[in-house]
Amino acid sequence: MNLIVRKVKREDALGIINVLNPIITDGRFSILDTIFSEEEEEQFIENFPERGVFNVALNTEDSRIVGFQNVEPFASYTRAFDHVGIIGTFVDGQYRRQGIASSLFDATFTMAKSLGYEKLFAYVRDDNETALKTYLKQGFEIVGKAKKHAKINGKYIDEVLIEKFL
């Protein structure tokens, strides 16, 4: 597969939800519990923070979005956290373990640094060992665990807190 990573465009909404909604529906890899419409994703892209990073990975053979990653500012209520971003990574289940996440991380780290981010932070489901391994491979470190941090369909889920200094 030939892959390019580029900044998101509004017209990427359908490709993004085609990656994201099956992950949400599966219920094992994300704490997101409600699927998104194309219009909702378009709004999300349109309203994405100016200082955010939002990249998509495209399979150039069929122009299909196979993954995406974003970084949003940690908080807007104080400038004390301006150097910290929250990162999220999603890869289509059919395309995992093909270097897509690594390509996304490379592009996202570069862009995040250029926007003044010094540290990226993430919450990873405790039962999502593959995602945790992927982040740790990229230099993230475990800094704690939030017990019973999410509750989906009556079941509590712990989340592992991780960070990486750029």
Protein backbone atom coordinates (compact mmCIF):
# COMPACT_ATOMS: atom_id res chain seq x y z
CA MET A 1 0.00 0.00 0.00
CA ASN A 2 1.21 3.48 -0.86
CA LEU A 3 0.42 5.93 1.91
CA ILE A 4 0.43 9.69 2.30
CA VAL A 5 -0.36 11.68 5.40
CA ARG A 6 -1.84 15.14 5.00
CA LYS A 7 -3.86 17.74 6.85
CA VAL A 8 -7.59 17.04 7.06
CA LYS A 9 -10.07 18.71 4.70
CA ARG A 10 -13.80 19.18 5.25
CA GLU A 11 -14.53 16.74 2.45
CA ASP A 12 -12.68 14.02 4.41
CA ALA A 13 -15.64 13.68 6.80
CA LEU A 14 -17.14 10.59 5.14
CA GLY A 15 -13.78 8.80 5.02
CA ILE A 16 -13.16 9.62 8.68
CA ILE A 17 -16.51 8.29 9.88
CA ASN A 18 -15.96 5.18 7.74
CA VAL A 19 -12.88 4.55 9.92
CA LEU A 20 -14.30 5.81 13.21
CA ASN A 21 -17.85 4.45 13.32
CA PRO A 22 -16.89 0.75 13.04
CA ILE A 23 -14.40 1.28 15.89
CA ILE A 24 -17.15 2.86 18.00
CA THR A 25 -19.65 0.13 17.09
CA ASP A 26 -17.13 -2.58 17.96
CA GLY A 27 -16.96 -1.16 21.48
CA ARG A 28 -13.51 -2.49 22.39
CA PHE A 29 -11.02 0.15 21.33
CA SER A 30 -12.46 3.54 22.22
CA ILE A 31 -14.55 5.13 24.94
CA LEU A 32 -16.61 6.82 22.26
CA ASP A 33 -20.06 5.28 22.40
CA THR A 34 -22.09 7.19 19.80
CA ILE A 35 -21.52 7.01 16.06
CA PHE A 36 -21.19 10.19 14.02
CA SER A 37 -23.00 11.36 10.92
CA GLU A 38 -21.11 12.86 8.00
CA GLU A 39 -22.59 16.26 8.85
CA GLU A 40 -21.45 16.01 12.48
CA GLU A 41 -17.94 15.15 11.36
CA GLU A 42 -17.93 18.05 8.88
CA GLN A 43 -18.88 20.37 11.77
CA PHE A 44 -16.13 18.88 13.92
CA ILE A 45 -13.56 19.51 11.18
CA GLU A 46 -14.88 23.01 10.54
CA ASN A 47 -14.77 23.91 14.25
CA PHE A 48 -11.49 22.15 14.98
CA PRO A 49 -9.21 24.39 17.06
CA GLU A 50 -6.98 26.65 15.00
CA ARG A 51 -3.98 25.50 17.01
CA GLY A 52 -4.93 21.86 16.63
CA VAL A 53 -3.36 19.20 14.43
CA PHE A 54 -5.63 16.93 12.39
CA ASN A 55 -4.03 14.54 9.90
CA VAL A 56 -5.45 11.79 7.72
CA ALA A 57 -3.62 8.81 6.23
CA LEU A 58 -4.64 8.04 2.65
CA ASN A 59 -4.10 4.86 0.68
CA THR A 60 -3.04 6.50 -2.60
CA GLU A 61 -4.05 3.44 -4.62
CA ASP A 62 -7.76 4.10 -4.00
CA SER A 63 -7.73 7.51 -2.21
CA ARG A 64 -9.29 5.85 0.82
CA ILE A 65 -8.74 7.26 4.32
CA VAL A 66 -7.27 4.41 6.37
CA GLY A 67 -6.51 6.30 9.56
CA PHE A 68 -6.43 9.67 11.24
CA GLN A 69 -4.90 11.40 14.20
CA ASN A 70 -5.58 14.65 15.95
CA VAL A 71 -4.17 16.85 18.67
CA GLU A 72 -6.32 19.36 20.48
CA PRO A 73 -5.25 21.88 23.12
CA PHE A 74 -5.45 20.36 26.60
CA ALA A 75 -7.45 23.25 28.06
CA SER A 76 -8.76 26.63 26.99
CA TYR A 77 -9.51 28.09 30.42
CA THR A 78 -5.86 28.90 31.19
CA ARG A 79 -2.67 29.54 29.23
CA ALA A 80 -0.75 27.36 31.72
CA PHE A 81 -1.50 24.32 29.53
CA ASP A 82 -0.74 25.90 26.13
CA HIS A 83 2.23 23.56 25.69
CA VAL A 84 0.09 20.40 26.21
CA GLY A 85 -2.07 18.67 23.62
CA ILE A 86 -4.44 15.70 23.79
CA ILE A 87 -3.77 13.17 21.04
CA GLY A 88 -6.09 10.57 19.54
CA THR A 89 -5.27 7.93 16.93
CA PHE A 90 -7.61 5.77 14.85
CA VAL A 91 -6.70 3.22 12.16
CA ASP A 92 -9.15 1.23 10.05
CA GLY A 93 -9.29 -2.35 11.35
CA GLN A 94 -8.48 -3.78 7.91
CA TYR A 95 -5.24 -1.80 7.73
CA ARG A 96 -3.70 -2.20 11.19
CA ARG A 97 -0.08 -3.28 11.61
CA GLN A 98 0.96 -1.76 8.28
CA GLY A 99 2.81 1.31 9.57
CA ILE A 100 -0.13 3.71 9.29
CA ALA A 101 0.00 4.81 12.93
CA SER A 102 3.77 5.34 12.69
CA SER A 103 3.33 7.54 9.63
CA LEU A 104 0.63 9.53 11.39
CA PHE A 105 2.79 9.98 14.49
CA ASP A 106 5.73 11.24 12.42
CA ALA A 107 3.63 13.91 10.72
CA THR A 108 1.69 14.84 13.84
CA PHE A 109 4.77 15.20 16.06
CA THR A 110 6.38 17.53 13.51
CA MET A 111 3.28 19.69 13.16
CA ALA A 112 2.59 19.74 16.91
CA LYS A 113 6.14 20.96 17.63
CA SER A 114 5.78 23.69 15.01
CA LEU A 115 2.61 24.89 16.78
CA GLY A 116 4.34 25.15 20.16
CA TYR A 117 3.29 21.88 21.73
CA GLU A 118 5.93 20.44 24.03
CA LYS A 119 3.99 17.53 25.46
CA LEU A 120 1.25 15.23 24.20
CA PHE A 121 -1.12 13.44 26.53
CA ALA A 122 -3.56 10.60 25.91
CA TYR A 123 -6.02 8.35 27.66
CA VAL A 124 -5.96 4.74 26.44
CA ARG A 125 -8.44 2.09 27.50
CA ASP A 126 -6.74 -0.28 29.93
CA ASP A 127 -8.04 -3.24 27.92
CA ASN A 128 -6.68 -1.91 24.60
CA GLU A 129 -3.21 -3.43 24.81
CA THR A 130 -2.47 -2.93 21.11
CA ALA A 131 -3.05 0.82 21.28
CA LEU A 132 -1.00 1.12 24.46
CA LYS A 133 1.90 -0.79 22.86
CA THR A 134 1.67 1.45 19.79
CA TYR A 135 1.91 4.62 21.88
CA LEU A 136 4.73 3.24 24.04
CA LYS A 137 6.65 2.33 20.86
CA GLN A 138 6.38 6.02 19.89
CA GLY A 139 8.02 7.13 23.15
CA PHE A 140 4.98 7.71 25.32
CA GLU A 141 5.29 6.79 28.99
CA ILE A 142 2.64 5.60 31.41
CA VAL A 143 2.02 8.18 34.13
CA GLY A 144 -0.98 6.67 35.85
CA LYS A 145 -4.32 4.96 35.68
CA ALA A 146 -7.76 6.50 36.03
CA LYS A 147 -9.90 3.78 37.58
CA LYS A 148 -13.52 3.47 36.49
CA HIS A 149 -12.89 6.52 34.30
CA ALA A 150 -15.49 5.64 31.69
CA LYS A 151 -18.81 3.86 32.00
CA ILE A 152 -20.23 2.32 28.87
CA ASN A 153 -23.39 0.21 28.88
CA GLY A 154 -23.14 -0.08 32.66
CA LYS A 155 -19.55 -1.36 32.58
CA TYR A 156 -16.68 0.62 34.09
CA ILE A 157 -13.49 1.00 32.08
CA ASP A 158 -10.12 2.04 33.46
CA GLU A 159 -7.96 4.32 31.34
CA VAL A 160 -4.19 4.46 31.24
CA LEU A 161 -2.78 7.98 31.23
CA ILE A 162 0.24 8.41 28.98
CA GLU A 163 2.42 11.32 27.90
CA LYS A 164 5.29 12.12 25.59
CA PHE A 165 7.56 15.14 25.65
CA LEU A 166 8.29 16.37 22.15
